[in-house]
Amino acid sequence: MAKQEYSNYQKKVIQNYYQHKDTIILTRLQELVTDLYLAETPAKTKKLWQQVEKALDKMKLKPAIKSRVIEKQSVEILAKNLNEWLKV
């Protein structure tokens, strides 16, 4: 398969995505915190925590922080850590 050539516009979009990837992930985590607070069923909560885990995998975090958030599955701990990450 031939290597695909991107237009200048497409290259800029791709470059901007990777340049702001951390911001995109943090925004997604903010949305997930809100959804977790509003989750009404255990099944919905479980699904949201799986999404949180995937988002945390994409971030450059210490494994201890990630495992603590996932093990506790506490929205308060996640929100507190997220608030600290946003300050950096």
PDB file of N, CA and C in Angstrom:
ATOM      1  N   MET A   1       0.839  -1.167   0.000  1.00  0.00           N
ATOM      2  CA  MET A   1       0.000   0.000   0.000  1.00  0.00           C
ATOM      3  C   MET A   1       0.891   1.239   0.000  1.00  0.00           C
ATOM      4  N   ALA A   2       0.570   2.198  -0.822  1.00  0.00           N
ATOM      5  CA  ALA A   2       1.369   3.404  -0.960  1.00  0.00           C
ATOM      6  C   ALA A   2       1.186   4.309   0.255  1.00  0.00           C
ATOM      7  N   LYS A   3       2.255   5.034   0.578  1.00  0.00           N
ATOM      8  CA  LYS A   3       2.195   5.977   1.684  1.00  0.00           C
ATOM      9  C   LYS A   3       1.291   7.143   1.302  1.00  0.00           C
ATOM     10  N   GLN A   4       0.382   7.469   2.196  1.00  0.00           N
ATOM     11  CA  GLN A   4      -0.585   8.519   1.903  1.00  0.00           C
ATOM     12  C   GLN A   4       0.053   9.885   2.113  1.00  0.00           C
ATOM     13  N   GLU A   5      -0.187  10.773   1.179  1.00  0.00           N
ATOM     14  CA  GLU A   5       0.281  12.147   1.287  1.00  0.00           C
ATOM     15  C   GLU A   5      -0.846  13.002   1.855  1.00  0.00           C
ATOM     16  N   TYR A   6      -0.516  13.810   2.829  1.00  0.00           N
ATOM     17  CA  TYR A   6      -1.499  14.697   3.434  1.00  0.00           C
ATOM     18  C   TYR A   6      -1.327  16.107   2.885  1.00  0.00           C
ATOM     19  N   SER A   7      -2.439  16.813   2.773  1.00  0.00           N
ATOM     20  CA  SER A   7      -2.371  18.213   2.352  1.00  0.00           C
ATOM     21  C   SER A   7      -1.774  19.025   3.505  1.00  0.00           C
ATOM     22  N   ASN A   8      -1.384  20.249   3.221  1.00  0.00           N
ATOM     23  CA  ASN A   8      -0.822  21.105   4.269  1.00  0.00           C
ATOM     24  C   ASN A   8      -1.825  21.318   5.398  1.00  0.00           C
ATOM     25  N   TYR A   9      -3.088  21.484   5.047  1.00  0.00           N
ATOM     26  CA  TYR A   9      -4.137  21.658   6.052  1.00  0.00           C
ATOM     27  C   TYR A   9      -4.240  20.422   6.948  1.00  0.00           C
ATOM     28  N   GLN A  10      -4.241  19.238   6.343  1.00  0.00           N
ATOM     29  CA  GLN A  10      -4.342  17.999   7.112  1.00  0.00           C
ATOM     30  C   GLN A  10      -3.131  17.823   8.026  1.00  0.00           C
ATOM     31  N   LYS A  11      -1.959  18.173   7.519  1.00  0.00           N
ATOM     32  CA  LYS A  11      -0.744  18.083   8.338  1.00  0.00           C
ATOM     33  C   LYS A  11      -0.845  18.993   9.558  1.00  0.00           C
ATOM     34  N   LYS A  12      -1.386  20.189   9.359  1.00  0.00           N
ATOM     35  CA  LYS A  12      -1.527  21.145  10.452  1.00  0.00           C
ATOM     36  C   LYS A  12      -2.533  20.636  11.492  1.00  0.00           C
ATOM     37  N   VAL A  13      -3.632  20.042  11.034  1.00  0.00           N
ATOM     38  CA  VAL A  13      -4.638  19.484  11.948  1.00  0.00           C
ATOM     39  C   VAL A  13      -4.023  18.359  12.780  1.00  0.00           C
ATOM     40  N   ILE A  14      -3.289  17.481  12.136  1.00  0.00           N
ATOM     41  CA  ILE A  14      -2.638  16.367  12.837  1.00  0.00           C
ATOM     42  C   ILE A  14      -1.616  16.892  13.836  1.00  0.00           C
ATOM     43  N   GLN A  15      -0.832  17.864  13.421  1.00  0.00           N
ATOM     44  CA  GLN A  15       0.180  18.454  14.294  1.00  0.00           C
ATOM     45  C   GLN A  15      -0.473  19.102  15.517  1.00  0.00           C
ATOM     46  N   ASN A  16      -1.553  19.840  15.302  1.00  0.00           N
ATOM     47  CA  ASN A  16      -2.252  20.493  16.415  1.00  0.00           C
ATOM     48  C   ASN A  16      -2.858  19.480  17.373  1.00  0.00           C
ATOM     49  N   TYR A  17      -3.364  18.371  16.838  1.00  0.00           N
ATOM     50  CA  TYR A  17      -3.931  17.330  17.699  1.00  0.00           C
ATOM     51  C   TYR A  17      -2.867  16.810  18.662  1.00  0.00           C
ATOM     52  N   TYR A  18      -1.716  16.445  18.134  1.00  0.00           N
ATOM     53  CA  TYR A  18      -0.671  15.887  18.985  1.00  0.00           C
ATOM     54  C   TYR A  18      -0.051  16.942  19.896  1.00  0.00           C
ATOM     55  N   GLN A  19      -0.058  18.180  19.462  1.00  0.00           N
ATOM     56  CA  GLN A  19       0.468  19.261  20.282  1.00  0.00           C
ATOM     57  C   GLN A  19      -0.430  19.501  21.499  1.00  0.00           C
ATOM     58  N   HIS A  20      -1.723  19.300  21.350  1.00  0.00           N
ATOM     59  CA  HIS A  20      -2.685  19.560  22.421  1.00  0.00           C
ATOM     60  C   HIS A  20      -3.313  18.283  22.978  1.00  0.00           C
ATOM     61  N   LYS A  21      -2.654  17.170  22.792  1.00  0.00           N
ATOM     62  CA  LYS A  21      -3.211  15.883  23.217  1.00  0.00           C
ATOM     63  C   LYS A  21      -3.462  15.836  24.728  1.00  0.00           C
ATOM     64  N   ASP A  22      -2.534  16.375  25.522  1.00  0.00           N
ATOM     65  CA  ASP A  22      -2.719  16.373  26.978  1.00  0.00           C
ATOM     66  C   ASP A  22      -3.959  17.160  27.384  1.00  0.00           C
ATOM     67  N   THR A  23      -4.170  18.294  26.745  1.00  0.00           N
ATOM     68  CA  THR A  23      -5.344  19.113  27.039  1.00  0.00           C
ATOM     69  C   THR A  23      -6.624  18.371  26.671  1.00  0.00           C
ATOM     70  N   ILE A  24      -6.592  17.670  25.558  1.00  0.00           N
ATOM     71  CA  ILE A  24      -7.756  16.900  25.114  1.00  0.00           C
ATOM     72  C   ILE A  24      -8.079  15.801  26.129  1.00  0.00           C
ATOM     73  N   ILE A  25      -7.050  15.117  26.612  1.00  0.00           N
ATOM     74  CA  ILE A  25      -7.255  14.037  27.583  1.00  0.00           C
ATOM     75  C   ILE A  25      -7.783  14.595  28.907  1.00  0.00           C
ATOM     76  N   LEU A  26      -7.218  15.711  29.365  1.00  0.00           N
ATOM     77  CA  LEU A  26      -7.686  16.314  30.615  1.00  0.00           C
ATOM     78  C   LEU A  26      -9.140  16.762  30.506  1.00  0.00           C
ATOM     79  N   THR A  27      -9.511  17.299  29.363  1.00  0.00           N
ATOM     80  CA  THR A  27     -10.901  17.700  29.145  1.00  0.00           C
ATOM     81  C   THR A  27     -11.812  16.483  29.187  1.00  0.00           C
ATOM     82  N   ARG A  28     -11.374  15.396  28.582  1.00  0.00           N
ATOM     83  CA  ARG A  28     -12.162  14.161  28.597  1.00  0.00           C
ATOM     84  C   ARG A  28     -12.329  13.649  30.026  1.00  0.00           C
ATOM     85  N   LEU A  29     -11.261  13.717  30.815  1.00  0.00           N
ATOM     86  CA  LEU A  29     -11.351  13.283  32.206  1.00  0.00           C
ATOM     87  C   LEU A  29     -12.306  14.169  33.008  1.00  0.00           C
ATOM     88  N   GLN A  30     -12.329  15.464  32.726  1.00  0.00           N
ATOM     89  CA  GLN A  30     -13.284  16.351  33.392  1.00  0.00           C
ATOM     90  C   GLN A  30     -14.715  15.924  33.080  1.00  0.00           C
ATOM     91  N   GLU A  31     -14.959  15.600  31.831  1.00  0.00           N
ATOM     92  CA  GLU A  31     -16.294  15.148  31.433  1.00  0.00           C
ATOM     93  C   GLU A  31     -16.656  13.839  32.134  1.00  0.00           C
ATOM     94  N   LEU A  32     -15.677  12.946  32.258  1.00  0.00           N
ATOM     95  CA  LEU A  32     -15.930  11.662  32.913  1.00  0.00           C
ATOM     96  C   LEU A  32     -16.220  11.837  34.403  1.00  0.00           C
ATOM     97  N   VAL A  33     -15.539  12.782  35.057  1.00  0.00           N
ATOM     98  CA  VAL A  33     -15.820  13.051  36.473  1.00  0.00           C
ATOM     99  C   VAL A  33     -17.275  13.482  36.635  1.00  0.00           C
ATOM    100  N   THR A  34     -17.711  14.372  35.771  1.00  0.00           N
ATOM    101  CA  THR A  34     -19.107  14.823  35.817  1.00  0.00           C
ATOM    102  C   THR A  34     -20.062  13.656  35.597  1.00  0.00           C
ATOM    103  N   ASP A  35     -19.767  12.839  34.596  1.00  0.00           N
ATOM    104  CA  ASP A  35     -20.630  11.689  34.303  1.00  0.00           C
ATOM    105  C   ASP A  35     -20.661  10.699  35.468  1.00  0.00           C
ATOM    106  N   LEU A  36     -19.514  10.507  36.135  1.00  0.00           N
ATOM    107  CA  LEU A  36     -19.475   9.595  37.277  1.00  0.00           C
ATOM    108  C   LEU A  36     -20.331  10.110  38.434  1.00  0.00           C
ATOM    109  N   TYR A  37     -20.303  11.408  38.676  1.00  0.00           N
ATOM    110  CA  TYR A  37     -21.151  11.972  39.726  1.00  0.00           C
ATOM    111  C   TYR A  37     -22.626  11.769  39.413  1.00  0.00           C
ATOM    112  N   LEU A  38     -22.964  11.807  38.131  1.00  0.00           N
ATOM    113  CA  LEU A  38     -24.365  11.714  37.728  1.00  0.00           C
ATOM    114  C   LEU A  38     -24.818  10.290  37.403  1.00  0.00           C
ATOM    115  N   ALA A  39     -23.891   9.333  37.397  1.00  0.00           N
ATOM    116  CA  ALA A  39     -24.231   7.954  37.036  1.00  0.00           C
ATOM    117  C   ALA A  39     -25.259   7.391  38.017  1.00  0.00           C
ATOM    118  N   GLU A  40     -26.267   6.743  37.452  1.00  0.00           N
ATOM    119  CA  GLU A  40     -27.366   6.238  38.274  1.00  0.00           C
ATOM    120  C   GLU A  40     -27.308   4.735  38.515  1.00  0.00           C
ATOM    121  N   THR A  41     -26.630   3.996  37.647  1.00  0.00           N
ATOM    122  CA  THR A  41     -26.595   2.546  37.796  1.00  0.00           C
ATOM    123  C   THR A  41     -25.157   2.064  37.958  1.00  0.00           C
ATOM    124  N   PRO A  42     -24.975   0.944  38.648  1.00  0.00           N
ATOM    125  CA  PRO A  42     -23.630   0.382  38.787  1.00  0.00           C
ATOM    126  C   PRO A  42     -23.009   0.012  37.434  1.00  0.00           C
ATOM    127  N   ALA A  43     -23.825  -0.424  36.493  1.00  0.00           N
ATOM    128  CA  ALA A  43     -23.308  -0.785  35.168  1.00  0.00           C
ATOM    129  C   ALA A  43     -22.736   0.442  34.459  1.00  0.00           C
ATOM    130  N   LYS A  44     -23.438   1.551  34.559  1.00  0.00           N
ATOM    131  CA  LYS A  44     -22.973   2.797  33.942  1.00  0.00           C
ATOM    132  C   LYS A  44     -21.676   3.261  34.608  1.00  0.00           C
ATOM    133  N   THR A  45     -21.626   3.153  35.927  1.00  0.00           N
ATOM    134  CA  THR A  45     -20.435   3.547  36.672  1.00  0.00           C
ATOM    135  C   THR A  45     -19.237   2.696  36.264  1.00  0.00           C
ATOM    136  N   LYS A  46     -19.452   1.392  36.139  1.00  0.00           N
ATOM    137  CA  LYS A  46     -18.370   0.486  35.740  1.00  0.00           C
ATOM    138  C   LYS A  46     -17.839   0.855  34.358  1.00  0.00           C
ATOM    139  N   LYS A  47     -18.732   1.134  33.438  1.00  0.00           N
ATOM    140  CA  LYS A  47     -18.338   1.506  32.078  1.00  0.00           C
ATOM    141  C   LYS A  47     -17.542   2.816  32.080  1.00  0.00           C
ATOM    142  N   LEU A  48     -17.978   3.768  32.881  1.00  0.00           N
ATOM    143  CA  LEU A  48     -17.277   5.052  32.955  1.00  0.00           C
ATOM    144  C   LEU A  48     -15.879   4.894  33.552  1.00  0.00           C
ATOM    145  N   TRP A  49     -15.746   4.032  34.560  1.00  0.00           N
ATOM    146  CA  TRP A  49     -14.419   3.808  35.140  1.00  0.00           C
ATOM    147  C   TRP A  49     -13.484   3.129  34.141  1.00  0.00           C
ATOM    148  N   GLN A  50     -14.021   2.301  33.275  1.00  0.00           N
ATOM    149  CA  GLN A  50     -13.198   1.710  32.219  1.00  0.00           C
ATOM    150  C   GLN A  50     -12.696   2.793  31.269  1.00  0.00           C
ATOM    151  N   GLN A  51     -13.549   3.767  30.980  1.00  0.00           N
ATOM    152  CA  GLN A  51     -13.141   4.881  30.124  1.00  0.00           C
ATOM    153  C   GLN A  51     -12.094   5.750  30.821  1.00  0.00           C
ATOM    154  N   VAL A  52     -12.245   5.930  32.129  1.00  0.00           N
ATOM    155  CA  VAL A  52     -11.251   6.683  32.897  1.00  0.00           C
ATOM    156  C   VAL A  52      -9.901   5.977  32.813  1.00  0.00           C
ATOM    157  N   GLU A  53      -9.914   4.666  32.968  1.00  0.00           N
ATOM    158  CA  GLU A  53      -8.669   3.901  32.912  1.00  0.00           C
ATOM    159  C   GLU A  53      -7.989   4.056  31.553  1.00  0.00           C
ATOM    160  N   LYS A  54      -8.759   4.010  30.477  1.00  0.00           N
ATOM    161  CA  LYS A  54      -8.190   4.194  29.139  1.00  0.00           C
ATOM    162  C   LYS A  54      -7.594   5.587  28.978  1.00  0.00           C
ATOM    163  N   ALA A  55      -8.287   6.591  29.507  1.00  0.00           N
ATOM    164  CA  ALA A  55      -7.783   7.965  29.411  1.00  0.00           C
ATOM    165  C   ALA A  55      -6.498   8.124  30.225  1.00  0.00           C
ATOM    166  N   LEU A  56      -6.453   7.509  31.403  1.00  0.00           N
ATOM    167  CA  LEU A  56      -5.252   7.595  32.232  1.00  0.00           C
ATOM    168  C   LEU A  56      -4.079   6.875  31.579  1.00  0.00           C
ATOM    169  N   ASP A  57      -4.359   5.811  30.832  1.00  0.00           N
ATOM    170  CA  ASP A  57      -3.301   5.099  30.109  1.00  0.00           C
ATOM    171  C   ASP A  57      -2.626   6.005  29.083  1.00  0.00           C
ATOM    172  N   LYS A  58      -3.378   6.923  28.530  1.00  0.00           N
ATOM    173  CA  LYS A  58      -2.846   7.822  27.505  1.00  0.00           C
ATOM    174  C   LYS A  58      -2.010   8.956  28.096  1.00  0.00           C
ATOM    175  N   MET A  59      -2.159   9.177  29.397  1.00  0.00           N
ATOM    176  CA  MET A  59      -1.395  10.238  30.058  1.00  0.00           C
ATOM    177  C   MET A  59      -0.067   9.691  30.557  1.00  0.00           C
ATOM    178  N   LYS A  60       0.885  10.584  30.709  1.00  0.00           N
ATOM    179  CA  LYS A  60       2.200  10.197  31.219  1.00  0.00           C
ATOM    180  C   LYS A  60       2.190  10.359  32.737  1.00  0.00           C
ATOM    181  N   LEU A  61       1.652   9.354  33.413  1.00  0.00           N
ATOM    182  CA  LEU A  61       1.527   9.388  34.867  1.00  0.00           C
ATOM    183  C   LEU A  61       2.406   8.325  35.497  1.00  0.00           C
ATOM    184  N   LYS A  62       2.718   8.550  36.768  1.00  0.00           N
ATOM    185  CA  LYS A  62       3.397   7.507  37.519  1.00  0.00           C
ATOM    186  C   LYS A  62       2.409   6.361  37.707  1.00  0.00           C
ATOM    187  N   PRO A  63       2.872   5.125  37.563  1.00  0.00           N
ATOM    188  CA  PRO A  63       1.960   3.979  37.715  1.00  0.00           C
ATOM    189  C   PRO A  63       1.259   3.949  39.078  1.00  0.00           C
ATOM    190  N   ALA A  64       1.925   4.437  40.119  1.00  0.00           N
ATOM    191  CA  ALA A  64       1.325   4.424  41.453  1.00  0.00           C
ATOM    192  C   ALA A  64       0.090   5.320  41.513  1.00  0.00           C
ATOM    193  N   ILE A  65       0.153   6.459  40.864  1.00  0.00           N
ATOM    194  CA  ILE A  65      -0.991   7.380  40.869  1.00  0.00           C
ATOM    195  C   ILE A  65      -2.157   6.760  40.122  1.00  0.00           C
ATOM    196  N   LYS A  66      -1.856   6.227  38.947  1.00  0.00           N
ATOM    197  CA  LYS A  66      -2.909   5.616  38.128  1.00  0.00           C
ATOM    198  C   LYS A  66      -3.559   4.452  38.870  1.00  0.00           C
ATOM    199  N   SER A  67      -2.741   3.580  39.445  1.00  0.00           N
ATOM    200  CA  SER A  67      -3.295   2.404  40.120  1.00  0.00           C
ATOM    201  C   SER A  67      -4.117   2.810  41.343  1.00  0.00           C
ATOM    202  N   ARG A  68      -3.698   3.856  42.051  1.00  0.00           N
ATOM    203  CA  ARG A  68      -4.457   4.312  43.222  1.00  0.00           C
ATOM    204  C   ARG A  68      -5.838   4.809  42.812  1.00  0.00           C
ATOM    205  N   VAL A  69      -5.883   5.593  41.746  1.00  0.00           N
ATOM    206  CA  VAL A  69      -7.166   6.127  41.282  1.00  0.00           C
ATOM    207  C   VAL A  69      -8.083   4.993  40.840  1.00  0.00           C
ATOM    208  N   ILE A  70      -7.540   4.044  40.089  1.00  0.00           N
ATOM    209  CA  ILE A  70      -8.347   2.944  39.556  1.00  0.00           C
ATOM    210  C   ILE A  70      -8.787   1.991  40.671  1.00  0.00           C
ATOM    211  N   GLU A  71      -7.879   1.680  41.603  1.00  0.00           N
ATOM    212  CA  GLU A  71      -8.222   0.749  42.680  1.00  0.00           C
ATOM    213  C   GLU A  71      -9.311   1.315  43.592  1.00  0.00           C
ATOM    214  N   LYS A  72      -9.171   2.566  43.975  1.00  0.00           N
ATOM    215  CA  LYS A  72     -10.137   3.182  44.890  1.00  0.00           C
ATOM    216  C   LYS A  72     -11.472   3.458  44.205  1.00  0.00           C
ATOM    217  N   GLN A  73     -11.417   3.760  42.923  1.00  0.00           N
ATOM    218  CA  GLN A  73     -12.600   4.150  42.148  1.00  0.00           C
ATOM    219  C   GLN A  73     -13.422   5.186  42.910  1.00  0.00           C
ATOM    220  N   SER A  74     -12.704   6.182  43.391  1.00  0.00           N
ATOM    221  CA  SER A  74     -13.326   7.290  44.110  1.00  0.00           C
ATOM    222  C   SER A  74     -13.328   8.512  43.200  1.00  0.00           C
ATOM    223  N   VAL A  75     -14.503   9.032  42.964  1.00  0.00           N
ATOM    224  CA  VAL A  75     -14.629  10.212  42.107  1.00  0.00           C
ATOM    225  C   VAL A  75     -13.913  11.391  42.754  1.00  0.00           C
ATOM    226  N   GLU A  76     -13.950  11.468  44.076  1.00  0.00           N
ATOM    227  CA  GLU A  76     -13.303  12.567  44.783  1.00  0.00           C
ATOM    228  C   GLU A  76     -11.793  12.544  44.566  1.00  0.00           C
ATOM    229  N   ILE A  77     -11.186  11.365  44.648  1.00  0.00           N
ATOM    230  CA  ILE A  77      -9.742  11.241  44.424  1.00  0.00           C
ATOM    231  C   ILE A  77      -9.405  11.608  42.984  1.00  0.00           C
ATOM    232  N   LEU A  78     -10.194  11.128  42.052  1.00  0.00           N
ATOM    233  CA  LEU A  78      -9.964  11.456  40.642  1.00  0.00           C
ATOM    234  C   LEU A  78     -10.086  12.959  40.417  1.00  0.00           C
ATOM    235  N   ALA A  79     -11.117  13.573  40.979  1.00  0.00           N
ATOM    236  CA  ALA A  79     -11.326  15.014  40.804  1.00  0.00           C
ATOM    237  C   ALA A  79     -10.187  15.817  41.431  1.00  0.00           C
ATOM    238  N   LYS A  80      -9.724  15.390  42.602  1.00  0.00           N
ATOM    239  CA  LYS A  80      -8.618  16.087  43.267  1.00  0.00           C
ATOM    240  C   LYS A  80      -7.349  16.008  42.420  1.00  0.00           C
ATOM    241  N   ASN A  81      -7.028  14.817  41.943  1.00  0.00           N
ATOM    242  CA  ASN A  81      -5.844  14.662  41.093  1.00  0.00           C
ATOM    243  C   ASN A  81      -5.989  15.458  39.802  1.00  0.00           C
ATOM    244  N   LEU A  82      -7.147  15.422  39.220  1.00  0.00           N
ATOM    245  CA  LEU A  82      -7.397  16.150  37.978  1.00  0.00           C
ATOM    246  C   LEU A  82      -7.203  17.649  38.187  1.00  0.00           C
ATOM    247  N   ASN A  83      -7.670  18.148  39.313  1.00  0.00           N
ATOM    248  CA  ASN A  83      -7.493  19.563  39.635  1.00  0.00           C
ATOM    249  C   ASN A  83      -6.005  19.915  39.725  1.00  0.00           C
ATOM    250  N   GLU A  84      -5.208  19.032  40.334  1.00  0.00           N
ATOM    251  CA  GLU A  84      -3.760  19.254  40.429  1.00  0.00           C
ATOM    252  C   GLU A  84      -3.110  19.215  39.048  1.00  0.00           C
ATOM    253  N   TRP A  85      -3.530  18.290  38.199  1.00  0.00           N
ATOM    254  CA  TRP A  85      -2.948  18.176  36.855  1.00  0.00           C
ATOM    255  C   TRP A  85      -3.272  19.400  36.010  1.00  0.00           C
ATOM    256  N   LEU A  86      -4.442  19.980  36.228  1.00  0.00           N
ATOM    257  CA  LEU A  86      -4.835  21.159  35.458  1.00  0.00           C
ATOM    258  C   LEU A  86      -4.021  22.389  35.855  1.00  0.00           C
ATOM    259  N   LYS A  87      -3.524  22.419  37.080  1.00  0.00           N
ATOM    260  CA  LYS A  87      -2.724  23.552  37.545  1.00  0.00           C
ATOM    261  C   LYS A  87      -1.326  23.554  36.939  1.00  0.00           C
ATOM    262  N   VAL A  88      -0.852  22.403  36.526  1.00  0.00           N
ATOM    263  CA  VAL A  88       0.519  22.290  36.002  1.00  0.00           C
ATOM    264  C   VAL A  88       0.616  22.809  34.647  1.00  0.00           C
TER     265      VAL A  88
END
